Amino acid sequence: MTQDNEYCLLSGGDSVGMTDSQYKGMLLDQLENWQEILELAEKSGNALIQEKAEKQIKKIEEKLKL
């Protein structure tokens, strides 16, 4: 008799989490958002927000390389 375990899939994998494709899609969405924020910061001349946006864009781009 098998037991139902909500944390494991039949193949033995973990049901919690996301696939690589889902993770990449999430990162691409975030990258697009931060690029829009960067454009707005540049247009408004807000150097502090521009610096933050550039930092976040670099982080996301590094994660996408993996």
N, C-alpha and C. Protein backbone atom coordinates (compact mmCIF):
# COMPACT_ATOMS: atom_id res chain seq x y z
N MET A 1 0.85 -1.19 0.00
CA MET A 1 0.00 0.00 0.00
C MET A 1 0.89 1.25 0.00
N THR A 2 0.57 2.19 -0.87
CA THR A 2 1.37 3.41 -0.95
C THR A 2 0.76 4.49 -0.10
N GLN A 3 1.62 5.33 0.43
CA GLN A 3 1.15 6.46 1.22
C GLN A 3 1.18 7.71 0.36
N ASP A 4 0.18 8.55 0.55
CA ASP A 4 0.17 9.84 -0.15
C ASP A 4 1.09 10.79 0.60
N ASN A 5 2.02 11.36 -0.10
CA ASN A 5 2.91 12.34 0.49
C ASN A 5 2.81 13.60 -0.35
N GLU A 6 2.29 14.66 0.21
CA GLU A 6 2.06 15.88 -0.55
C GLU A 6 3.35 16.57 -0.96
N TYR A 7 4.47 16.16 -0.42
CA TYR A 7 5.73 16.83 -0.72
C TYR A 7 6.55 16.13 -1.79
N CYS A 8 6.17 14.94 -2.19
CA CYS A 8 6.95 14.21 -3.18
C CYS A 8 6.10 13.86 -4.39
N LEU A 9 6.72 13.88 -5.54
CA LEU A 9 6.05 13.47 -6.76
C LEU A 9 6.25 11.97 -6.94
N LEU A 10 5.51 11.37 -7.83
CA LEU A 10 5.64 9.94 -8.08
C LEU A 10 7.04 9.59 -8.56
N SER A 11 7.68 10.49 -9.28
CA SER A 11 9.03 10.23 -9.80
C SER A 11 10.10 10.42 -8.73
N GLY A 12 9.70 10.79 -7.54
CA GLY A 12 10.65 11.00 -6.46
C GLY A 12 11.12 12.43 -6.32
N GLY A 13 10.66 13.31 -7.20
CA GLY A 13 11.07 14.71 -7.15
C GLY A 13 10.32 15.49 -6.09
N ASP A 14 10.78 16.68 -5.85
CA ASP A 14 10.17 17.56 -4.87
C ASP A 14 9.12 18.41 -5.56
N SER A 15 7.91 18.44 -5.04
CA SER A 15 6.83 19.20 -5.66
C SER A 15 6.89 20.68 -5.34
N VAL A 16 7.75 21.06 -4.40
CA VAL A 16 7.88 22.46 -4.02
C VAL A 16 8.97 23.09 -4.87
N GLY A 17 8.73 24.28 -5.38
CA GLY A 17 9.72 24.96 -6.19
C GLY A 17 9.22 25.19 -7.60
N MET A 18 10.16 25.59 -8.47
CA MET A 18 9.79 25.87 -9.85
C MET A 18 10.82 25.27 -10.78
N THR A 19 10.43 25.12 -12.02
CA THR A 19 11.35 24.59 -13.03
C THR A 19 12.33 25.67 -13.44
N ASP A 20 13.38 25.26 -14.14
CA ASP A 20 14.35 26.22 -14.66
C ASP A 20 13.69 27.22 -15.60
N SER A 21 12.76 26.73 -16.40
CA SER A 21 12.05 27.61 -17.34
C SER A 21 11.20 28.64 -16.59
N GLN A 22 10.54 28.21 -15.53
CA GLN A 22 9.73 29.14 -14.75
C GLN A 22 10.61 30.18 -14.08
N TYR A 23 11.75 29.75 -13.55
CA TYR A 23 12.68 30.66 -12.89
C TYR A 23 13.22 31.69 -13.89
N LYS A 24 13.62 31.21 -15.06
CA LYS A 24 14.13 32.11 -16.10
C LYS A 24 13.05 33.10 -16.52
N GLY A 25 11.82 32.64 -16.66
CA GLY A 25 10.71 33.53 -17.02
C GLY A 25 10.48 34.60 -15.97
N MET A 26 10.57 34.21 -14.70
CA MET A 26 10.41 35.17 -13.61
C MET A 26 11.52 36.21 -13.65
N LEU A 27 12.76 35.75 -13.89
CA LEU A 27 13.88 36.68 -13.97
C LEU A 27 13.74 37.64 -15.15
N LEU A 28 13.27 37.13 -16.28
CA LEU A 28 13.08 38.00 -17.45
C LEU A 28 12.01 39.05 -17.18
N ASP A 29 10.95 38.67 -16.47
CA ASP A 29 9.91 39.64 -16.09
C ASP A 29 10.49 40.71 -15.18
N GLN A 30 11.29 40.29 -14.20
CA GLN A 30 11.91 41.25 -13.29
C GLN A 30 12.87 42.18 -14.03
N LEU A 31 13.63 41.59 -14.96
CA LEU A 31 14.57 42.40 -15.75
C LEU A 31 13.83 43.47 -16.53
N GLU A 32 12.74 43.10 -17.15
CA GLU A 32 11.94 44.07 -17.91
C GLU A 32 11.44 45.19 -16.99
N ASN A 33 10.97 44.84 -15.81
CA ASN A 33 10.48 45.84 -14.86
C ASN A 33 11.60 46.80 -14.44
N TRP A 34 12.78 46.25 -14.12
CA TRP A 34 13.88 47.11 -13.69
C TRP A 34 14.40 47.98 -14.84
N GLN A 35 14.33 47.49 -16.06
CA GLN A 35 14.73 48.30 -17.21
C GLN A 35 13.78 49.48 -17.38
N GLU A 36 12.49 49.27 -17.15
CA GLU A 36 11.51 50.36 -17.21
C GLU A 36 11.77 51.37 -16.10
N ILE A 37 12.09 50.88 -14.92
CA ILE A 37 12.41 51.78 -13.79
C ILE A 37 13.64 52.60 -14.11
N LEU A 38 14.64 51.96 -14.71
CA LEU A 38 15.87 52.66 -15.09
C LEU A 38 15.56 53.78 -16.10
N GLU A 39 14.75 53.48 -17.08
CA GLU A 39 14.38 54.50 -18.07
C GLU A 39 13.68 55.68 -17.40
N LEU A 40 12.77 55.41 -16.50
CA LEU A 40 12.06 56.48 -15.79
C LEU A 40 13.02 57.30 -14.93
N ALA A 41 13.95 56.62 -14.27
CA ALA A 41 14.92 57.32 -13.43
C ALA A 41 15.82 58.22 -14.28
N GLU A 42 16.21 57.71 -15.45
CA GLU A 42 17.04 58.53 -16.34
C GLU A 42 16.28 59.75 -16.83
N LYS A 43 15.03 59.56 -17.19
CA LYS A 43 14.21 60.69 -17.67
C LYS A 43 13.98 61.73 -16.59
N SER A 44 13.82 61.27 -15.35
CA SER A 44 13.55 62.20 -14.26
C SER A 44 14.83 62.77 -13.64
N GLY A 45 15.96 62.18 -14.00
CA GLY A 45 17.23 62.66 -13.45
C GLY A 45 17.48 62.20 -12.03
N ASN A 46 16.83 61.13 -11.60
CA ASN A 46 17.01 60.64 -10.23
C ASN A 46 18.16 59.64 -10.20
N ALA A 47 19.34 60.13 -9.78
CA ALA A 47 20.55 59.32 -9.79
C ALA A 47 20.48 58.16 -8.80
N LEU A 48 19.83 58.36 -7.66
CA LEU A 48 19.75 57.31 -6.65
C LEU A 48 18.95 56.11 -7.16
N ILE A 49 17.81 56.38 -7.76
CA ILE A 49 16.99 55.29 -8.31
C ILE A 49 17.69 54.67 -9.51
N GLN A 50 18.35 55.49 -10.31
CA GLN A 50 19.08 54.97 -11.47
C GLN A 50 20.16 53.99 -11.01
N GLU A 51 20.90 54.35 -9.97
CA GLU A 51 21.95 53.48 -9.44
C GLU A 51 21.37 52.16 -8.92
N LYS A 52 20.27 52.24 -8.21
CA LYS A 52 19.62 51.03 -7.68
C LYS A 52 19.14 50.14 -8.82
N ALA A 53 18.53 50.72 -9.83
CA ALA A 53 18.02 49.94 -10.96
C ALA A 53 19.17 49.26 -11.71
N GLU A 54 20.25 50.00 -11.93
CA GLU A 54 21.41 49.41 -12.61
C GLU A 54 21.98 48.24 -11.82
N LYS A 55 22.03 48.38 -10.52
CA LYS A 55 22.53 47.31 -9.65
C LYS A 55 21.64 46.06 -9.76
N GLN A 56 20.33 46.25 -9.73
CA GLN A 56 19.40 45.13 -9.82
C GLN A 56 19.47 44.46 -11.20
N ILE A 57 19.61 45.25 -12.24
CA ILE A 57 19.72 44.71 -13.60
C ILE A 57 20.96 43.84 -13.71
N LYS A 58 22.07 44.28 -13.16
CA LYS A 58 23.30 43.49 -13.19
C LYS A 58 23.13 42.17 -12.45
N LYS A 59 22.47 42.20 -11.29
CA LYS A 59 22.23 40.98 -10.52
C LYS A 59 21.40 39.98 -11.31
N ILE A 60 20.35 40.47 -11.92
CA ILE A 60 19.45 39.60 -12.69
C ILE A 60 20.18 39.03 -13.90
N GLU A 61 20.96 39.86 -14.58
CA GLU A 61 21.70 39.37 -15.75
C GLU A 61 22.69 38.28 -15.36
N GLU A 62 23.31 38.40 -14.19
CA GLU A 62 24.22 37.36 -13.71
C GLU A 62 23.48 36.06 -13.44
N LYS A 63 22.31 36.17 -12.85
CA LYS A 63 21.50 34.96 -12.58
C LYS A 63 21.05 34.29 -13.87
N LEU A 64 20.79 35.08 -14.90
CA LEU A 64 20.36 34.53 -16.18
C LEU A 64 21.49 33.79 -16.89
N LYS A 65 22.73 34.10 -16.56
CA LYS A 65 23.88 33.43 -17.18
C LYS A 65 24.03 31.99 -16.69
N LEU A 66 23.52 31.72 -15.49
CA LEU A 66 23.69 30.38 -14.91
C LEU A 66 22.89 29.33 -15.61
